[in-house]
Amino acid sequence: MIILGILLSVAAIGFFCWLLFTLAVFALPFFAGVSTGLWAYHTGAGWLGAIVVGLLGAALTLGIGQFLLIVVQPLWARLLIALVFVAPAVIAGYHATHGVVKHTVPSEAWQIVFSIVGAVAVGATAFMRVAAMAAAVPSGQRLARA
């Protein structure tokens, strides 16, 4: 029974790590959606209006980011746009890793070291996914050249 618990714990940690790596690109749109939803709720839109405004804010953030990655031509500007999406993913990766290692590593110094390694790994994965989104459109079909 103890072995089953250990195996399920490892599987759960693996699932949540996979989920974190997969959804890290959407940290900025999620934050924007939550922020606009909370703003709408506190201005009197109600919970249904806040959900709608939050979903629209998240979709608009993601859409504008992808549009800018397609339209903007200079490499340095595209890197800045990618970094805007990667920075929240790095922060989320740090805190997610810190939450896991806090329960498994007794030394606070090693907790921070592992958390930084996790943040770098999540950030690199998010950067690769953002770069893949930018490269998905063939260069001959870019909107800026139309």
N, C-alpha and C. Protein backbone atom coordinates (compact mmCIF):
# COMPACT_ATOMS: atom_id res chain seq x y z
N MET A 1 0.82 -1.19 0.00
CA MET A 1 0.00 0.00 0.00
C MET A 1 0.87 1.26 0.00
N ILE A 2 1.97 1.21 0.72
CA ILE A 2 2.86 2.37 0.77
C ILE A 2 3.48 2.62 -0.60
N ILE A 3 3.84 1.54 -1.30
CA ILE A 3 4.43 1.68 -2.63
C ILE A 3 3.43 2.30 -3.59
N LEU A 4 2.16 1.92 -3.48
CA LEU A 4 1.13 2.50 -4.34
C LEU A 4 1.00 4.01 -4.09
N GLY A 5 1.06 4.41 -2.83
CA GLY A 5 1.01 5.84 -2.49
C GLY A 5 2.18 6.61 -3.07
N ILE A 6 3.37 6.01 -3.00
CA ILE A 6 4.56 6.66 -3.55
C ILE A 6 4.44 6.78 -5.06
N LEU A 7 4.00 5.70 -5.71
CA LEU A 7 3.84 5.74 -7.17
C LEU A 7 2.80 6.76 -7.60
N LEU A 8 1.69 6.84 -6.88
CA LEU A 8 0.67 7.83 -7.20
C LEU A 8 1.17 9.25 -6.97
N SER A 9 1.97 9.44 -5.94
CA SER A 9 2.55 10.77 -5.69
C SER A 9 3.50 11.18 -6.81
N VAL A 10 4.34 10.26 -7.25
CA VAL A 10 5.26 10.55 -8.36
C VAL A 10 4.47 10.83 -9.63
N ALA A 11 3.41 10.06 -9.88
CA ALA A 11 2.59 10.29 -11.07
C ALA A 11 1.89 11.64 -11.00
N ALA A 12 1.41 12.03 -9.83
CA ALA A 12 0.75 13.32 -9.68
C ALA A 12 1.73 14.47 -9.89
N ILE A 13 2.93 14.34 -9.33
CA ILE A 13 3.94 15.39 -9.53
C ILE A 13 4.33 15.47 -11.00
N GLY A 14 4.48 14.32 -11.65
CA GLY A 14 4.79 14.31 -13.07
C GLY A 14 3.68 14.94 -13.90
N PHE A 15 2.43 14.66 -13.56
CA PHE A 15 1.30 15.26 -14.28
C PHE A 15 1.28 16.77 -14.11
N PHE A 16 1.49 17.24 -12.89
CA PHE A 16 1.47 18.69 -12.67
C PHE A 16 2.66 19.39 -13.31
N CYS A 17 3.80 18.72 -13.38
CA CYS A 17 4.95 19.29 -14.10
C CYS A 17 4.67 19.37 -15.58
N TRP A 18 4.08 18.32 -16.15
CA TRP A 18 3.70 18.36 -17.56
C TRP A 18 2.70 19.48 -17.82
N LEU A 19 1.72 19.62 -16.93
CA LEU A 19 0.71 20.67 -17.06
C LEU A 19 1.36 22.05 -16.98
N LEU A 20 2.31 22.21 -16.08
CA LEU A 20 3.01 23.50 -15.94
C LEU A 20 3.79 23.82 -17.20
N PHE A 21 4.53 22.84 -17.74
CA PHE A 21 5.30 23.08 -18.95
C PHE A 21 4.39 23.38 -20.14
N THR A 22 3.24 22.72 -20.20
CA THR A 22 2.33 22.92 -21.31
C THR A 22 1.63 24.27 -21.25
N LEU A 23 1.22 24.69 -20.07
CA LEU A 23 0.43 25.90 -19.93
C LEU A 23 1.25 27.14 -19.55
N ALA A 24 2.56 27.03 -19.50
CA ALA A 24 3.38 28.17 -19.07
C ALA A 24 3.26 29.36 -20.00
N VAL A 25 3.04 29.12 -21.28
CA VAL A 25 2.92 30.21 -22.24
C VAL A 25 1.68 31.05 -21.94
N PHE A 26 0.69 30.45 -21.34
CA PHE A 26 -0.56 31.16 -21.09
C PHE A 26 -0.60 31.84 -19.72
N ALA A 27 0.54 31.99 -19.06
CA ALA A 27 0.56 32.65 -17.75
C ALA A 27 0.19 34.12 -17.88
N LEU A 28 0.71 34.81 -18.88
CA LEU A 28 0.39 36.23 -19.06
C LEU A 28 -1.08 36.43 -19.44
N PRO A 29 -1.63 35.70 -20.42
CA PRO A 29 -3.06 35.87 -20.69
C PRO A 29 -3.94 35.51 -19.49
N PHE A 30 -3.55 34.49 -18.74
CA PHE A 30 -4.32 34.13 -17.54
C PHE A 30 -4.30 35.26 -16.53
N PHE A 31 -3.12 35.83 -16.30
CA PHE A 31 -3.00 36.95 -15.35
C PHE A 31 -3.82 38.15 -15.84
N ALA A 32 -3.75 38.44 -17.13
CA ALA A 32 -4.52 39.56 -17.67
C ALA A 32 -6.02 39.30 -17.54
N GLY A 33 -6.44 38.06 -17.80
CA GLY A 33 -7.85 37.72 -17.66
C GLY A 33 -8.35 37.82 -16.24
N VAL A 34 -7.55 37.33 -15.30
CA VAL A 34 -7.94 37.42 -13.89
C VAL A 34 -7.99 38.88 -13.44
N SER A 35 -7.02 39.66 -13.86
CA SER A 35 -6.98 41.08 -13.47
C SER A 35 -8.18 41.84 -14.03
N THR A 36 -8.48 41.64 -15.31
CA THR A 36 -9.63 42.35 -15.88
C THR A 36 -10.94 41.84 -15.31
N GLY A 37 -11.01 40.53 -15.02
CA GLY A 37 -12.22 40.00 -14.40
C GLY A 37 -12.44 40.55 -13.00
N LEU A 38 -11.36 40.65 -12.22
CA LEU A 38 -11.50 41.25 -10.88
C LEU A 38 -11.86 42.73 -10.96
N TRP A 39 -11.28 43.42 -11.93
CA TRP A 39 -11.62 44.84 -12.12
C TRP A 39 -13.10 44.97 -12.45
N ALA A 40 -13.59 44.13 -13.36
CA ALA A 40 -15.00 44.20 -13.75
C ALA A 40 -15.91 43.86 -12.58
N TYR A 41 -15.52 42.88 -11.78
CA TYR A 41 -16.34 42.50 -10.63
C TYR A 41 -16.42 43.63 -9.60
N HIS A 42 -15.28 44.28 -9.37
CA HIS A 42 -15.25 45.36 -8.37
C HIS A 42 -15.90 46.65 -8.87
N THR A 43 -16.13 46.75 -10.16
CA THR A 43 -16.84 47.93 -10.68
C THR A 43 -18.33 47.67 -10.82
N GLY A 44 -18.79 46.48 -10.40
CA GLY A 44 -20.21 46.21 -10.36
C GLY A 44 -20.75 45.37 -11.50
N ALA A 45 -19.93 44.66 -12.22
CA ALA A 45 -20.40 43.86 -13.35
C ALA A 45 -21.05 42.56 -12.91
N GLY A 46 -20.87 42.16 -11.67
CA GLY A 46 -21.40 40.89 -11.21
C GLY A 46 -20.47 39.76 -11.58
N TRP A 47 -20.76 38.57 -11.09
CA TRP A 47 -19.83 37.46 -11.34
C TRP A 47 -19.89 36.99 -12.79
N LEU A 48 -21.06 36.99 -13.42
CA LEU A 48 -21.15 36.57 -14.82
C LEU A 48 -20.44 37.57 -15.74
N GLY A 49 -20.66 38.84 -15.50
CA GLY A 49 -19.98 39.87 -16.29
C GLY A 49 -18.48 39.83 -16.09
N ALA A 50 -18.04 39.55 -14.86
CA ALA A 50 -16.61 39.48 -14.58
C ALA A 50 -15.97 38.30 -15.31
N ILE A 51 -16.68 37.18 -15.38
CA ILE A 51 -16.16 36.02 -16.11
C ILE A 51 -16.04 36.33 -17.59
N VAL A 52 -17.05 36.96 -18.15
CA VAL A 52 -17.03 37.30 -19.58
C VAL A 52 -15.90 38.29 -19.87
N VAL A 53 -15.79 39.33 -19.05
CA VAL A 53 -14.73 40.33 -19.25
C VAL A 53 -13.36 39.69 -19.06
N GLY A 54 -13.21 38.81 -18.08
CA GLY A 54 -11.94 38.13 -17.87
C GLY A 54 -11.55 37.25 -19.05
N LEU A 55 -12.52 36.50 -19.59
CA LEU A 55 -12.24 35.66 -20.76
C LEU A 55 -11.87 36.51 -21.97
N LEU A 56 -12.58 37.62 -22.15
CA LEU A 56 -12.25 38.52 -23.26
C LEU A 56 -10.86 39.14 -23.09
N GLY A 57 -10.53 39.51 -21.86
CA GLY A 57 -9.20 40.08 -21.60
C GLY A 57 -8.08 39.08 -21.86
N ALA A 58 -8.29 37.84 -21.45
CA ALA A 58 -7.27 36.81 -21.69
C ALA A 58 -7.13 36.51 -23.18
N ALA A 59 -8.26 36.38 -23.87
CA ALA A 59 -8.22 36.10 -25.31
C ALA A 59 -7.59 37.26 -26.07
N LEU A 60 -7.91 38.47 -25.68
CA LEU A 60 -7.34 39.64 -26.34
C LEU A 60 -5.83 39.74 -26.12
N THR A 61 -5.39 39.43 -24.92
CA THR A 61 -3.95 39.44 -24.63
C THR A 61 -3.21 38.41 -25.46
N LEU A 62 -3.74 37.21 -25.51
CA LEU A 62 -3.10 36.17 -26.31
C LEU A 62 -3.14 36.50 -27.80
N GLY A 63 -4.28 37.01 -28.26
CA GLY A 63 -4.42 37.36 -29.67
C GLY A 63 -3.49 38.49 -30.09
N ILE A 64 -3.39 39.52 -29.26
CA ILE A 64 -2.50 40.64 -29.57
C ILE A 64 -1.05 40.17 -29.57
N GLY A 65 -0.70 39.33 -28.62
CA GLY A 65 0.67 38.81 -28.58
C GLY A 65 1.02 38.01 -29.82
N GLN A 66 0.14 37.13 -30.24
CA GLN A 66 0.39 36.34 -31.44
C GLN A 66 0.41 37.22 -32.68
N PHE A 67 -0.49 38.19 -32.74
CA PHE A 67 -0.52 39.12 -33.88
C PHE A 67 0.78 39.91 -33.97
N LEU A 68 1.26 40.40 -32.83
CA LEU A 68 2.51 41.15 -32.83
C LEU A 68 3.69 40.28 -33.23
N LEU A 69 3.69 39.03 -32.81
CA LEU A 69 4.77 38.13 -33.21
C LEU A 69 4.77 37.88 -34.71
N ILE A 70 3.60 37.94 -35.32
CA ILE A 70 3.52 37.74 -36.77
C ILE A 70 3.90 39.01 -37.52
N VAL A 71 3.45 40.15 -37.03
CA VAL A 71 3.61 41.41 -37.77
C VAL A 71 4.99 42.03 -37.59
N VAL A 72 5.50 42.03 -36.39
CA VAL A 72 6.75 42.73 -36.10
C VAL A 72 7.92 42.02 -36.77
N GLN A 73 8.76 42.79 -37.46
CA GLN A 73 9.86 42.22 -38.21
C GLN A 73 11.20 42.22 -37.47
N PRO A 74 11.59 43.29 -36.77
CA PRO A 74 12.92 43.27 -36.15
C PRO A 74 13.03 42.16 -35.09
N LEU A 75 14.15 41.49 -35.11
CA LEU A 75 14.35 40.36 -34.20
C LEU A 75 14.34 40.81 -32.74
N TRP A 76 14.94 41.97 -32.46
CA TRP A 76 14.99 42.44 -31.07
C TRP A 76 13.59 42.74 -30.55
N ALA A 77 12.69 43.24 -31.39
CA ALA A 77 11.32 43.53 -30.95
C ALA A 77 10.55 42.22 -30.72
N ARG A 78 10.79 41.23 -31.58
CA ARG A 78 10.13 39.95 -31.39
C ARG A 78 10.62 39.27 -30.12
N LEU A 79 11.90 39.44 -29.80
CA LEU A 79 12.43 38.89 -28.54
C LEU A 79 11.81 39.58 -27.34
N LEU A 80 11.60 40.89 -27.43
CA LEU A 80 10.95 41.61 -26.32
C LEU A 80 9.51 41.13 -26.13
N ILE A 81 8.80 40.91 -27.23
CA ILE A 81 7.43 40.41 -27.13
C ILE A 81 7.43 39.01 -26.51
N ALA A 82 8.37 38.19 -26.93
CA ALA A 82 8.47 36.84 -26.36
C ALA A 82 8.80 36.90 -24.87
N LEU A 83 9.68 37.82 -24.49
CA LEU A 83 10.04 37.94 -23.07
C LEU A 83 8.87 38.41 -22.22
N VAL A 84 7.96 39.19 -22.80
CA VAL A 84 6.76 39.61 -22.07
C VAL A 84 5.92 38.39 -21.72
N PHE A 85 5.89 37.39 -22.61
CA PHE A 85 5.14 36.17 -22.33
C PHE A 85 5.93 35.20 -21.46
N VAL A 86 7.25 35.23 -21.54
CA VAL A 86 8.08 34.27 -20.82
C VAL A 86 8.26 34.68 -19.35
N ALA A 87 8.32 35.97 -19.05
CA ALA A 87 8.58 36.42 -17.68
C ALA A 87 7.55 35.89 -16.67
N PRO A 88 6.23 35.98 -16.94
CA PRO A 88 5.29 35.38 -15.98
C PRO A 88 5.42 33.87 -15.88
N ALA A 89 5.82 33.23 -16.97
CA ALA A 89 6.01 31.77 -16.94
C ALA A 89 7.19 31.41 -16.04
N VAL A 90 8.25 32.22 -16.06
CA VAL A 90 9.40 31.98 -15.19
C VAL A 90 8.99 32.12 -13.72
N ILE A 91 8.22 33.15 -13.44
CA ILE A 91 7.76 33.37 -12.06
C ILE A 91 6.86 32.21 -11.61
N ALA A 92 5.96 31.79 -12.48
CA ALA A 92 5.09 30.65 -12.15
C ALA A 92 5.91 29.38 -11.97
N GLY A 93 6.92 29.17 -12.80
CA GLY A 93 7.78 28.00 -12.67
C GLY A 93 8.56 28.00 -11.37
N TYR A 94 9.04 29.18 -10.97
CA TYR A 94 9.76 29.27 -9.70
C TYR A 94 8.85 28.88 -8.54
N HIS A 95 7.68 29.46 -8.50
CA HIS A 95 6.78 29.20 -7.37
C HIS A 95 6.24 27.77 -7.37
N ALA A 96 5.98 27.22 -8.55
CA ALA A 96 5.51 25.83 -8.61
C ALA A 96 6.60 24.88 -8.14
N THR A 97 7.83 25.10 -8.61
CA THR A 97 8.93 24.24 -8.18
C THR A 97 9.21 24.41 -6.70
N HIS A 98 9.14 25.64 -6.23
CA HIS A 98 9.37 25.88 -4.81
C HIS A 98 8.32 25.19 -3.95
N GLY A 99 7.08 25.16 -4.44
CA GLY A 99 6.03 24.48 -3.70
C GLY A 99 6.27 22.98 -3.59
N VAL A 100 6.86 22.40 -4.63
CA VAL A 100 7.15 20.96 -4.59
C VAL A 100 8.35 20.67 -3.71
N VAL A 101 9.45 21.41 -3.91
CA VAL A 101 10.67 21.10 -3.17
C VAL A 101 10.58 21.51 -1.71
N LYS A 102 9.66 22.39 -1.38
CA LYS A 102 9.50 22.78 0.02
C LYS A 102 9.09 21.58 0.88
N HIS A 103 8.42 20.64 0.26
CA HIS A 103 7.97 19.46 1.00
C HIS A 103 8.96 18.31 0.94
N THR A 104 9.97 18.43 0.09
CA THR A 104 10.87 17.30 -0.09
C THR A 104 12.32 17.59 0.28
N VAL A 105 12.74 18.85 0.25
CA VAL A 105 14.13 19.22 0.52
C VAL A 105 14.18 20.01 1.82
N PRO A 106 14.92 19.55 2.82
CA PRO A 106 14.92 20.25 4.11
C PRO A 106 15.71 21.56 4.10
N SER A 107 16.77 21.66 3.31
CA SER A 107 17.62 22.84 3.32
C SER A 107 16.98 23.97 2.51
N GLU A 108 16.89 25.16 3.12
CA GLU A 108 16.30 26.30 2.42
C GLU A 108 17.17 26.75 1.25
N ALA A 109 18.47 26.64 1.39
CA ALA A 109 19.36 27.04 0.29
C ALA A 109 19.14 26.14 -0.92
N TRP A 110 19.02 24.85 -0.71
CA TRP A 110 18.78 23.93 -1.82
C TRP A 110 17.38 24.10 -2.38
N GLN A 111 16.43 24.48 -1.56
CA GLN A 111 15.09 24.77 -2.06
C GLN A 111 15.15 25.89 -3.09
N ILE A 112 15.89 26.93 -2.78
CA ILE A 112 16.01 28.07 -3.68
C ILE A 112 16.76 27.67 -4.96
N VAL A 113 17.82 26.87 -4.79
CA VAL A 113 18.58 26.41 -5.96
C VAL A 113 17.69 25.60 -6.89
N PHE A 114 16.95 24.64 -6.36
CA PHE A 114 16.06 23.83 -7.19
C PHE A 114 14.94 24.67 -7.79
N SER A 115 14.46 25.65 -7.04
CA SER A 115 13.41 26.53 -7.55
C SER A 115 13.91 27.36 -8.72
N ILE A 116 15.14 27.83 -8.64
CA ILE A 116 15.72 28.60 -9.75
C ILE A 116 15.91 27.70 -10.97
N VAL A 117 16.38 26.48 -10.75
CA VAL A 117 16.54 25.54 -11.86
C VAL A 117 15.18 25.26 -12.51
N GLY A 118 14.15 25.08 -11.70
CA GLY A 118 12.81 24.87 -12.23
C GLY A 118 12.30 26.08 -13.00
N ALA A 119 12.59 27.28 -12.49
CA ALA A 119 12.17 28.49 -13.18
C ALA A 119 12.85 28.62 -14.54
N VAL A 120 14.14 28.30 -14.59
CA VAL A 120 14.87 28.35 -15.86
C VAL A 120 14.31 27.32 -16.84
N ALA A 121 14.02 26.13 -16.36
CA ALA A 121 13.48 25.09 -17.24
C ALA A 121 12.11 25.48 -17.79
N VAL A 122 11.24 26.00 -16.93
CA VAL A 122 9.92 26.42 -17.39
C VAL A 122 10.04 27.61 -18.34
N GLY A 123 10.93 28.55 -18.02
CA GLY A 123 11.13 29.70 -18.89
C GLY A 123 11.66 29.32 -20.26
N ALA A 124 12.61 28.38 -20.29
CA ALA A 124 13.15 27.93 -21.57
C ALA A 124 12.08 27.22 -22.40
N THR A 125 11.26 26.42 -21.74
CA THR A 125 10.17 25.74 -22.44
C THR A 125 9.15 26.74 -22.97
N ALA A 126 8.80 27.72 -22.15
CA ALA A 126 7.85 28.75 -22.60
C ALA A 126 8.42 29.55 -23.76
N PHE A 127 9.72 29.86 -23.71
CA PHE A 127 10.34 30.60 -24.79
C PHE A 127 10.31 29.79 -26.09
N MET A 128 10.57 28.50 -26.00
CA MET A 128 10.53 27.65 -27.19
C MET A 128 9.11 27.57 -27.76
N ARG A 129 8.12 27.53 -26.90
CA ARG A 129 6.74 27.48 -27.38
C ARG A 129 6.33 28.80 -28.03
N VAL A 130 6.75 29.93 -27.44
CA VAL A 130 6.45 31.23 -28.05
C VAL A 130 7.18 31.36 -29.38
N ALA A 131 8.41 30.89 -29.44
CA ALA A 131 9.15 30.93 -30.70
C ALA A 131 8.48 30.05 -31.74
N ALA A 132 7.93 28.92 -31.33
CA ALA A 132 7.22 28.05 -32.26
C ALA A 132 5.94 28.71 -32.76
N MET A 133 5.27 29.48 -31.89
CA MET A 133 4.08 30.21 -32.33
C MET A 133 4.47 31.25 -33.37
N ALA A 134 5.60 31.91 -33.19
CA ALA A 134 6.03 32.94 -34.13
C ALA A 134 6.48 32.33 -35.44
N ALA A 135 7.06 31.15 -35.39
CA ALA A 135 7.56 30.50 -36.61
C ALA A 135 6.48 29.72 -37.34
N ALA A 136 5.29 29.63 -36.79
CA ALA A 136 4.23 28.84 -37.41
C ALA A 136 3.75 29.45 -38.73
N VAL A 137 3.90 30.76 -38.88
CA VAL A 137 3.49 31.43 -40.11
C VAL A 137 4.68 31.52 -41.04
N PRO A 138 4.59 31.03 -42.27
CA PRO A 138 5.70 31.13 -43.22
C PRO A 138 6.07 32.59 -43.45
N SER A 139 7.35 32.85 -43.62
CA SER A 139 7.83 34.23 -43.72
C SER A 139 7.27 34.95 -44.94
N GLY A 140 6.90 34.25 -45.98
CA GLY A 140 6.35 34.89 -47.17
C GLY A 140 4.92 35.36 -46.97
N GLN A 141 4.26 34.90 -45.92
CA GLN A 141 2.88 35.25 -45.68
C GLN A 141 2.71 36.20 -44.51
N ARG A 142 3.74 36.86 -44.10
CA ARG A 142 3.64 37.79 -42.97
C ARG A 142 2.78 38.97 -43.34
N LEU A 143 2.01 39.46 -42.37
CA LEU A 143 1.09 40.56 -42.62
C LEU A 143 1.83 41.88 -42.86
N ALA A 144 3.01 42.04 -42.32
CA ALA A 144 3.74 43.30 -42.48
C ALA A 144 4.18 43.52 -43.92
N ARG A 145 4.34 42.45 -44.67
CA ARG A 145 4.78 42.60 -46.06
C ARG A 145 3.62 42.72 -47.01
N ALA A 146 2.41 42.55 -46.52
CA ALA A 146 1.24 42.60 -47.41
C ALA A 146 0.90 44.01 -47.80
